[in-house]
Amino acid sequence: MKALHTYRIDVGQYPSTQEGLDALMRPPADSALARKWNGPYLEKAVPADPWSRPYIYRNPGSQEQDLEIISLGKDGQPGGMGDAADVTSH
């Protein structure tokens, strides 16, 4: 989240859902935004979740959140309980 906040400070907006977390590692396609980009914002590529799957990034997020980073838990399916429960950034 800290890297996303820094990106927003530099570029003026969070990456879109389509740009995803990869936007933290490479400049936006839009040349006006790319001039403001001061990344990369992470030392390494975005890591996988604890179950070796990519995180889901949404902007805007659900439930009135500005943005959201989600792991679908051990089972890789929405919902669930215990280790299979979704983990979200809010």
C-alpha atoms as a PDB file:
ATOM      1  CA  MET A   1       0.000   0.000   0.000  1.00  0.00           C
ATOM      2  CA  LYS A   2       2.866   2.387   0.754  1.00  0.00           C
ATOM      3  CA  ALA A   3       4.190   1.988  -2.800  1.00  0.00           C
ATOM      4  CA  LEU A   4       0.701   2.692  -4.192  1.00  0.00           C
ATOM      5  CA  HIS A   5       0.402   5.841  -2.093  1.00  0.00           C
ATOM      6  CA  THR A   6       3.805   7.046  -3.311  1.00  0.00           C
ATOM      7  CA  TYR A   7       2.744   6.334  -6.923  1.00  0.00           C
ATOM      8  CA  ARG A   8      -0.405   8.435  -6.360  1.00  0.00           C
ATOM      9  CA  ILE A   9       1.611  11.317  -4.924  1.00  0.00           C
ATOM     10  CA  ASP A  10       3.906  11.326  -7.974  1.00  0.00           C
ATOM     11  CA  VAL A  11       1.424  10.578 -10.771  1.00  0.00           C
ATOM     12  CA  GLY A  12      -1.660  12.195  -9.259  1.00  0.00           C
ATOM     13  CA  GLN A  13      -3.830   9.077  -9.235  1.00  0.00           C
ATOM     14  CA  TYR A  14      -3.669   5.414  -8.314  1.00  0.00           C
ATOM     15  CA  PRO A  15      -3.097   2.876 -11.101  1.00  0.00           C
ATOM     16  CA  SER A  16      -6.291   1.656 -12.742  1.00  0.00           C
ATOM     17  CA  THR A  17      -7.485  -1.911 -12.266  1.00  0.00           C
ATOM     18  CA  GLN A  18      -6.295  -2.603 -15.810  1.00  0.00           C
ATOM     19  CA  GLU A  19      -2.793  -1.244 -15.101  1.00  0.00           C
ATOM     20  CA  GLY A  20      -2.691  -3.287 -11.913  1.00  0.00           C
ATOM     21  CA  LEU A  21       0.189  -3.590  -9.511  1.00  0.00           C
ATOM     22  CA  ASP A  22       2.602  -3.840 -12.459  1.00  0.00           C
ATOM     23  CA  ALA A  23       2.279  -0.042 -12.659  1.00  0.00           C
ATOM     24  CA  LEU A  24       4.564   0.084  -9.632  1.00  0.00           C
ATOM     25  CA  MET A  25       7.379  -1.334 -11.761  1.00  0.00           C
ATOM     26  CA  ARG A  26       6.923   0.416 -15.129  1.00  0.00           C
ATOM     27  CA  PRO A  27       5.686   3.814 -16.292  1.00  0.00           C
ATOM     28  CA  PRO A  28       2.091   4.323 -17.468  1.00  0.00           C
ATOM     29  CA  ALA A  29       1.369   4.167 -21.196  1.00  0.00           C
ATOM     30  CA  ASP A  30      -0.112   7.690 -21.066  1.00  0.00           C
ATOM     31  CA  SER A  31       2.848  10.003 -21.816  1.00  0.00           C
ATOM     32  CA  ALA A  32       1.561  12.811 -19.577  1.00  0.00           C
ATOM     33  CA  LEU A  33       1.369  10.432 -16.607  1.00  0.00           C
ATOM     34  CA  ALA A  34       4.647   8.743 -17.536  1.00  0.00           C
ATOM     35  CA  ARG A  35       6.479  12.064 -17.178  1.00  0.00           C
ATOM     36  CA  LYS A  36       5.340  12.251 -13.553  1.00  0.00           C
ATOM     37  CA  TRP A  37       6.204   8.619 -12.776  1.00  0.00           C
ATOM     38  CA  ASN A  38       9.255   8.391 -10.513  1.00  0.00           C
ATOM     39  CA  GLY A  39       9.466   4.613 -10.070  1.00  0.00           C
ATOM     40  CA  PRO A  40       9.975   1.841  -9.814  1.00  0.00           C
ATOM     41  CA  TYR A  41       8.159   1.969  -6.498  1.00  0.00           C
ATOM     42  CA  LEU A  42       9.262  -1.491  -5.370  1.00  0.00           C
ATOM     43  CA  GLU A  43      12.768  -2.966  -5.259  1.00  0.00           C
ATOM     44  CA  LYS A  44      11.545  -6.247  -6.798  1.00  0.00           C
ATOM     45  CA  ALA A  45       8.499  -7.360  -8.760  1.00  0.00           C
ATOM     46  CA  VAL A  46       5.231  -7.606  -6.866  1.00  0.00           C
ATOM     47  CA  PRO A  47       5.402 -10.825  -4.836  1.00  0.00           C
ATOM     48  CA  ALA A  48       2.807 -13.574  -5.032  1.00  0.00           C
ATOM     49  CA  ASP A  49       0.416 -14.111  -2.142  1.00  0.00           C
ATOM     50  CA  PRO A  50       1.317 -16.756   0.482  1.00  0.00           C
ATOM     51  CA  TRP A  51      -0.274 -19.433  -1.737  1.00  0.00           C
ATOM     52  CA  SER A  52       1.850 -18.473  -4.773  1.00  0.00           C
ATOM     53  CA  ARG A  53      -0.990 -16.755  -6.646  1.00  0.00           C
ATOM     54  CA  PRO A  54      -1.006 -13.147  -7.849  1.00  0.00           C
ATOM     55  CA  TYR A  55      -2.805 -10.602  -5.719  1.00  0.00           C
ATOM     56  CA  ILE A  56      -5.977  -9.097  -7.147  1.00  0.00           C
ATOM     57  CA  TYR A  57      -5.877  -5.307  -7.423  1.00  0.00           C
ATOM     58  CA  ARG A  58      -9.003  -3.205  -7.880  1.00  0.00           C
ATOM     59  CA  ASN A  59      -9.403   0.526  -8.319  1.00  0.00           C
ATOM     60  CA  PRO A  60     -12.003   1.426  -7.324  1.00  0.00           C
ATOM     61  CA  GLY A  61     -12.360  -1.312  -4.746  1.00  0.00           C
ATOM     62  CA  SER A  62     -15.558  -2.716  -3.364  1.00  0.00           C
ATOM     63  CA  GLN A  63     -17.399  -1.417  -0.314  1.00  0.00           C
ATOM     64  CA  GLU A  64     -16.548   2.236  -1.011  1.00  0.00           C
ATOM     65  CA  GLN A  65     -12.790   1.697  -0.760  1.00  0.00           C
ATOM     66  CA  ASP A  66     -10.494   3.804  -2.945  1.00  0.00           C
ATOM     67  CA  LEU A  67      -8.543   0.713  -3.887  1.00  0.00           C
ATOM     68  CA  GLU A  68      -8.214  -2.861  -2.784  1.00  0.00           C
ATOM     69  CA  ILE A  69      -5.608  -5.614  -2.781  1.00  0.00           C
ATOM     70  CA  ILE A  70      -7.007  -9.121  -2.325  1.00  0.00           C
ATOM     71  CA  SER A  71      -5.732 -12.646  -1.777  1.00  0.00           C
ATOM     72  CA  LEU A  72      -8.364 -15.340  -2.251  1.00  0.00           C
ATOM     73  CA  GLY A  73      -6.818 -17.469   0.498  1.00  0.00           C
ATOM     74  CA  LYS A  74      -5.587 -21.036   0.405  1.00  0.00           C
ATOM     75  CA  ASP A  75      -8.408 -22.343  -1.809  1.00  0.00           C
ATOM     76  CA  GLY A  76      -8.086 -19.577  -4.426  1.00  0.00           C
ATOM     77  CA  GLN A  77     -11.862 -19.087  -4.461  1.00  0.00           C
ATOM     78  CA  PRO A  78     -13.912 -16.082  -3.288  1.00  0.00           C
ATOM     79  CA  GLY A  79     -15.217 -16.348   0.270  1.00  0.00           C
ATOM     80  CA  GLY A  80     -14.242 -19.209   2.535  1.00  0.00           C
ATOM     81  CA  MET A  81     -13.317 -19.634   6.167  1.00  0.00           C
ATOM     82  CA  GLY A  82     -10.081 -20.162   8.064  1.00  0.00           C
ATOM     83  CA  ASP A  83      -7.085 -20.519   5.699  1.00  0.00           C
ATOM     84  CA  ALA A  84      -9.498 -20.386   2.747  1.00  0.00           C
ATOM     85  CA  ALA A  85     -10.870 -16.956   3.749  1.00  0.00           C
ATOM     86  CA  ASP A  86     -10.194 -13.970   1.510  1.00  0.00           C
ATOM     87  CA  VAL A  87      -7.691 -11.445   2.809  1.00  0.00           C
ATOM     88  CA  THR A  88      -8.254  -7.833   1.772  1.00  0.00           C
ATOM     89  CA  SER A  89      -6.371  -4.587   2.304  1.00  0.00           C
ATOM     90  CA  HIS A  90      -9.277  -2.877   4.088  1.00  0.00           C
END
